[in-house]
Amino acid sequence: MRKIPLHEKGGIINEFGGDFCTVRLRIPAGLITVDQMEGIVEIVRRYNTELHLTTRQTMELVHVSPGSLESLAKDLEANGTPIGADKSEIVNITACPGTDRCRFAMIDSISLARTLDEKFFGKEMPVKFRIAISSCPNSCVSERLNEIGITGVVRPYRVPGTCTGCGTCVKYCRENAIAIKNGQIRMNNDLCVHCGMCIQSCPFHIIKADPAAYHITIGGKRGRHPRVGYHVVTVKTPETVIKVVEKVVKWVYRKAWSDSLLPDQLGILD
């Protein structure tokens, strides 16, 4: 197998004019330590470049001289923030804060992002391949606009005979999926997006929840013609999520072709 020269790797992006390049970093879920941040600042100063924060929770060193790429790559690797990906490969995996610090979160999105990064980041693909994780249907990282989107969900249910009809859950439901009839709440499963806000809002803890699950979509895209991905499966554990992602990645690797985004191929692939 041909060894890919450094300047051909996905994290090296040629700038307009051709005299300089941009170097994208690998920072899964956008989380780095203080020491790594200080290291990046020192590297930026050493190579007399600038820093750009990207929409995919990573950073780019801009206006880098091609002649310094070899030494820059070594310094970034030593700092724990190596060169990332941008071309036909699995790129930086994004995630919301998750259960680590968000009160709406249903799943540990950060741990899942790190696991997926370790297993899949940088894998060569026929198309650019993005994976994003939101821990609830608020979709703070727009995960359903990615080739693979993972959303934390929870199904609410009412304990029969104990509802007081106070209407708090009705007020908090953003989907108008709850109504009060004859002093009892009625849930509309067709409107419910399984966000869990009604569960948290109930002052009497009458609305309960099934264990959190993982809603998986494929084929989303951004750009000039954005498209929400297709729901393929909802699973119960992060281990199963990893298995599903692995199957999708293998399927796309075997079936898809270059020069066309994955969402534009889904109607043709078998």
Protein backbone atom coordinates (compact mmCIF):
# COMPACT_ATOMS: atom_id res chain seq x y z
CA MET A 1 0.00 0.00 0.00
CA ARG A 2 1.30 3.42 -0.95
CA LYS A 3 2.41 5.57 1.95
CA ILE A 4 0.40 8.80 1.82
CA PRO A 5 2.65 11.89 1.85
CA LEU A 6 1.92 14.31 4.66
CA HIS A 7 0.73 17.06 2.31
CA GLU A 8 -1.91 14.70 0.86
CA LYS A 9 -3.50 13.83 4.19
CA GLY A 10 -7.00 15.05 4.95
CA GLY A 11 -6.04 17.41 7.74
CA ILE A 12 -3.81 19.42 5.37
CA ILE A 13 -5.96 21.82 3.35
CA ASN A 14 -4.49 23.91 0.52
CA GLU A 15 -5.38 27.57 0.83
CA PHE A 16 -6.42 29.82 -2.02
CA GLY A 17 -3.36 30.86 -4.02
CA GLY A 18 -1.39 27.72 -3.17
CA ASP A 19 1.37 29.36 -1.14
CA PHE A 20 0.07 28.27 2.26
CA CYS A 21 -2.05 25.55 3.81
CA THR A 22 -4.42 25.12 6.72
CA VAL A 23 -3.79 22.36 9.25
CA ARG A 24 -6.87 20.91 10.94
CA LEU A 25 -6.48 19.21 14.34
CA ARG A 26 -8.00 16.06 15.79
CA ILE A 27 -10.00 17.06 18.87
CA PRO A 28 -12.91 14.61 19.42
CA ALA A 29 -16.00 16.31 20.91
CA GLY A 30 -13.99 19.54 21.10
CA LEU A 31 -12.48 18.68 24.48
CA ILE A 32 -8.83 19.40 25.28
CA THR A 33 -6.88 19.90 28.48
CA VAL A 34 -5.38 23.17 29.70
CA ASP A 35 -1.91 21.79 28.97
CA GLN A 36 -2.93 20.94 25.40
CA MET A 37 -4.40 24.42 24.96
CA GLU A 38 -1.18 26.00 26.18
CA GLY A 39 0.75 23.70 23.84
CA ILE A 40 -1.32 24.82 20.86
CA VAL A 41 -0.74 28.47 21.75
CA GLU A 42 3.00 27.84 21.90
CA ILE A 43 2.93 26.01 18.55
CA VAL A 44 0.99 28.84 16.91
CA ARG A 45 3.57 31.35 18.12
CA ARG A 46 6.51 29.16 17.14
CA TYR A 47 5.28 28.78 13.56
CA ASN A 48 4.02 32.36 13.31
CA THR A 49 0.52 31.28 12.30
CA GLU A 50 -3.06 31.96 13.45
CA LEU A 51 -5.83 29.84 14.98
CA HIS A 52 -9.34 29.23 13.68
CA LEU A 53 -12.15 27.56 15.68
CA THR A 54 -14.23 25.36 13.38
CA THR A 55 -17.88 24.34 13.34
CA ARG A 56 -16.89 20.71 13.97
CA GLN A 57 -15.49 21.39 17.44
CA THR A 58 -11.86 21.43 16.43
CA MET A 59 -9.16 23.98 15.53
CA GLU A 60 -7.17 24.91 12.46
CA LEU A 61 -3.76 26.48 12.14
CA VAL A 62 -3.98 28.82 9.17
CA HIS A 63 -1.42 30.25 6.73
CA VAL A 64 1.08 27.47 7.44
CA SER A 65 4.16 27.23 5.21
CA PRO A 66 4.29 23.82 3.46
CA GLY A 67 8.00 23.61 4.29
CA SER A 68 7.22 23.42 8.02
CA LEU A 69 4.62 20.65 7.85
CA GLU A 70 6.93 17.81 8.92
CA SER A 71 8.12 19.51 12.10
CA LEU A 72 4.66 20.94 12.82
CA ALA A 73 3.09 17.49 12.59
CA LYS A 74 5.59 16.13 15.13
CA ASP A 75 4.94 18.99 17.54
CA LEU A 76 1.17 18.54 17.28
CA GLU A 77 1.47 14.79 17.85
CA ALA A 78 3.62 15.34 20.94
CA ASN A 79 1.00 17.78 22.23
CA GLY A 80 -1.77 15.19 21.99
CA THR A 81 -3.58 17.21 19.31
CA PRO A 82 -2.46 15.51 16.07
CA ILE A 83 -3.39 16.42 12.51
CA GLY A 84 -7.05 15.72 11.85
CA ALA A 85 -9.13 14.82 8.80
CA ASP A 86 -11.20 16.61 6.17
CA LYS A 87 -11.24 14.64 2.91
CA SER A 88 -12.80 11.27 2.05
CA GLU A 89 -12.44 9.80 5.51
CA ILE A 90 -14.15 9.80 8.90
CA VAL A 91 -13.59 13.30 10.26
CA ASN A 92 -13.66 14.88 13.74
CA ILE A 93 -16.57 13.42 15.74
CA THR A 94 -18.75 16.05 17.41
CA ALA A 95 -20.89 15.81 20.53
CA CYS A 96 -22.91 17.96 22.91
CA PRO A 97 -21.97 18.17 26.64
CA GLY A 98 -24.24 15.23 27.49
CA THR A 99 -24.91 13.97 31.00
CA ASP A 100 -21.59 15.42 32.12
CA ARG A 101 -23.20 18.84 32.57
CA CYS A 102 -26.50 19.30 30.68
CA ARG A 103 -29.79 18.96 32.57
CA PHE A 104 -31.66 17.91 29.41
CA ALA A 105 -29.21 15.11 28.53
CA MET A 106 -30.33 11.50 28.20
CA ILE A 107 -27.01 9.83 27.31
CA ASP A 108 -23.27 10.21 27.92
CA SER A 109 -22.44 11.70 24.54
CA ILE A 110 -18.82 12.57 25.41
CA SER A 111 -17.76 9.03 26.32
CA LEU A 112 -19.50 7.66 23.23
CA ALA A 113 -17.78 10.25 21.00
CA ARG A 114 -14.36 9.33 22.39
CA THR A 115 -15.01 5.62 21.86
CA LEU A 116 -16.17 6.17 18.28
CA ASP A 117 -13.15 8.41 17.65
CA GLU A 118 -10.73 5.72 18.86
CA LYS A 119 -12.37 3.11 16.65
CA PHE A 120 -13.22 5.00 13.45
CA PHE A 121 -11.45 8.37 13.16
CA GLY A 122 -9.43 8.86 9.97
CA LYS A 123 -10.65 5.68 8.30
CA GLU A 124 -10.35 6.08 4.54
CA MET A 125 -13.79 6.20 2.90
CA PRO A 126 -15.12 6.76 -0.62
CA VAL A 127 -16.92 9.88 0.69
CA LYS A 128 -16.42 12.42 3.45
CA PHE A 129 -18.04 10.88 6.52
CA ARG A 130 -19.27 12.81 9.58
CA ILE A 131 -20.58 11.42 12.87
CA ALA A 132 -22.31 13.58 15.48
CA ILE A 133 -23.99 12.87 18.83
CA SER A 134 -26.68 14.83 20.67
CA SER A 135 -27.80 13.59 24.05
CA CYS A 136 -31.41 14.68 23.50
CA PRO A 137 -33.74 15.72 20.65
CA ASN A 138 -32.81 19.39 21.11
CA SER A 139 -30.06 18.43 18.63
CA CYS A 140 -27.53 21.03 19.72
CA VAL A 141 -24.89 19.65 17.32
CA SER A 142 -27.37 19.11 14.44
CA GLU A 143 -26.52 15.42 14.45
CA ARG A 144 -29.26 14.49 12.00
CA LEU A 145 -27.53 16.63 9.36
CA ASN A 146 -24.54 14.25 9.40
CA GLU A 147 -23.82 11.00 7.58
CA ILE A 148 -24.48 9.29 10.92
CA GLY A 149 -26.46 11.02 13.64
CA ILE A 150 -26.99 9.64 17.15
CA THR A 151 -29.66 11.16 19.39
CA GLY A 152 -30.44 10.32 23.01
CA VAL A 153 -34.17 9.70 23.55
CA VAL A 154 -36.45 8.54 26.35
CA ARG A 155 -40.06 7.35 26.11
CA PRO A 156 -42.36 8.83 28.77
CA TYR A 157 -45.38 7.03 30.22
CA ARG A 158 -47.96 7.99 32.83
CA VAL A 159 -48.60 5.98 35.98
CA PRO A 160 -52.36 5.22 35.72
CA GLY A 161 -54.73 6.70 38.26
CA THR A 162 -52.30 9.07 39.96
CA CYS A 163 -52.35 12.19 37.75
CA THR A 164 -53.69 15.33 39.48
CA GLY A 165 -54.31 17.15 36.20
CA CYS A 166 -52.21 20.14 37.27
CA GLY A 167 -51.14 20.82 33.67
CA THR A 168 -47.44 21.47 34.35
CA CYS A 169 -46.33 18.92 31.76
CA VAL A 170 -48.68 20.42 29.18
CA LYS A 171 -47.03 23.80 29.67
CA TYR A 172 -43.50 22.40 29.28
CA CYS A 173 -44.17 20.14 26.27
CA ARG A 174 -42.87 21.96 23.17
CA GLU A 175 -44.52 19.52 20.78
CA ASN A 176 -48.14 19.90 22.01
CA ALA A 177 -48.05 16.15 22.56
CA ILE A 178 -49.86 16.29 25.93
CA ALA A 179 -53.42 17.39 26.68
CA ILE A 180 -55.65 17.22 29.75
CA LYS A 181 -58.95 15.41 29.34
CA ASN A 182 -61.31 14.70 32.23
CA GLY A 183 -58.63 15.69 34.71
CA GLN A 184 -56.04 13.27 33.31
CA ILE A 185 -53.19 13.80 30.87
CA ARG A 186 -53.31 12.17 27.46
CA MET A 187 -50.11 11.64 25.47
CA ASN A 188 -50.01 11.76 21.69
CA ASN A 189 -47.27 9.35 20.63
CA ASP A 190 -47.39 10.64 17.05
CA LEU A 191 -46.29 14.12 18.21
CA CYS A 192 -43.93 13.11 21.02
CA VAL A 193 -40.22 13.33 20.14
CA HIS A 194 -39.12 11.55 23.35
CA CYS A 195 -37.20 14.51 24.75
CA GLY A 196 -38.13 13.79 28.39
CA MET A 197 -39.01 17.36 29.35
CA CYS A 198 -42.42 16.31 30.65
CA ILE A 199 -40.75 13.79 32.94
CA GLN A 200 -38.53 16.42 34.50
CA SER A 201 -41.34 18.96 34.80
CA CYS A 202 -43.87 16.78 36.65
CA PRO A 203 -43.91 18.06 40.28
CA PHE A 204 -45.43 14.81 41.54
CA HIS A 205 -43.13 12.45 39.58
CA ILE A 206 -46.14 10.76 38.02
CA ILE A 207 -44.66 10.68 34.51
CA LYS A 208 -42.04 7.96 34.34
CA ALA A 209 -39.61 6.92 31.63
CA ASP A 210 -38.25 3.87 29.94
CA PRO A 211 -34.44 3.60 29.98
CA ALA A 212 -32.71 6.05 27.65
CA ALA A 213 -32.11 4.85 24.10
CA TYR A 214 -30.08 5.85 21.03
CA HIS A 215 -31.91 7.02 17.91
CA ILE A 216 -29.65 6.51 14.85
CA THR A 217 -30.03 8.25 11.50
CA ILE A 218 -27.97 8.04 8.31
CA GLY A 219 -27.65 10.20 5.23
CA GLY A 220 -28.03 13.70 6.64
CA LYS A 221 -26.18 16.61 5.07
CA ARG A 222 -25.55 20.34 5.43
CA GLY A 223 -24.60 22.70 2.63
CA ARG A 224 -26.78 24.45 0.09
CA HIS A 225 -29.37 21.65 0.11
CA PRO A 226 -29.50 20.42 3.74
CA ARG A 227 -31.30 17.18 4.46
CA VAL A 228 -32.29 15.41 7.66
CA GLY A 229 -31.00 11.83 7.85
CA TYR A 230 -33.20 8.75 7.66
CA HIS A 231 -34.01 6.95 10.91
CA VAL A 232 -32.68 3.40 10.67
CA VAL A 233 -32.84 1.99 14.18
CA THR A 234 -33.18 2.82 17.88
CA VAL A 235 -30.98 0.80 20.23
CA LYS A 236 -30.60 0.54 23.99
CA THR A 237 -26.85 0.49 24.71
CA PRO A 238 -23.70 2.33 23.57
CA GLU A 239 -22.17 -1.04 22.70
CA THR A 240 -24.96 -1.64 20.22
CA VAL A 241 -24.50 1.87 18.82
CA ILE A 242 -20.87 1.04 18.05
CA LYS A 243 -21.91 -2.17 16.28
CA VAL A 244 -24.47 -0.31 14.17
CA VAL A 245 -21.95 2.40 13.25
CA GLU A 246 -19.42 -0.26 12.29
CA LYS A 247 -21.94 -1.96 10.00
CA VAL A 248 -22.90 1.33 8.35
CA VAL A 249 -19.25 2.29 7.86
CA LYS A 250 -18.46 -1.08 6.27
CA TRP A 251 -21.52 -0.88 4.04
CA VAL A 252 -20.65 2.62 2.84
CA TYR A 253 -17.00 1.63 2.32
CA ARG A 254 -18.06 -1.26 0.06
CA LYS A 255 -20.97 0.32 -1.78
CA ALA A 256 -20.50 4.09 -2.11
CA TRP A 257 -18.42 5.86 -4.73
CA SER A 258 -16.45 9.10 -4.81
CA ASP A 259 -17.45 12.49 -6.28
CA SER A 260 -20.93 12.38 -4.76
CA LEU A 261 -22.11 12.94 -1.19
CA LEU A 262 -23.49 9.90 0.62
CA PRO A 263 -27.04 11.34 1.01
CA ASP A 264 -27.24 11.73 -2.77
CA GLN A 265 -26.38 8.06 -3.22
CA LEU A 266 -28.73 6.44 -0.69
CA GLY A 267 -31.56 6.01 -3.19
CA ILE A 268 -29.25 3.99 -5.44
CA LEU A 269 -27.16 1.93 -3.01
CA ASP A 270 -28.49 -1.54 -2.19
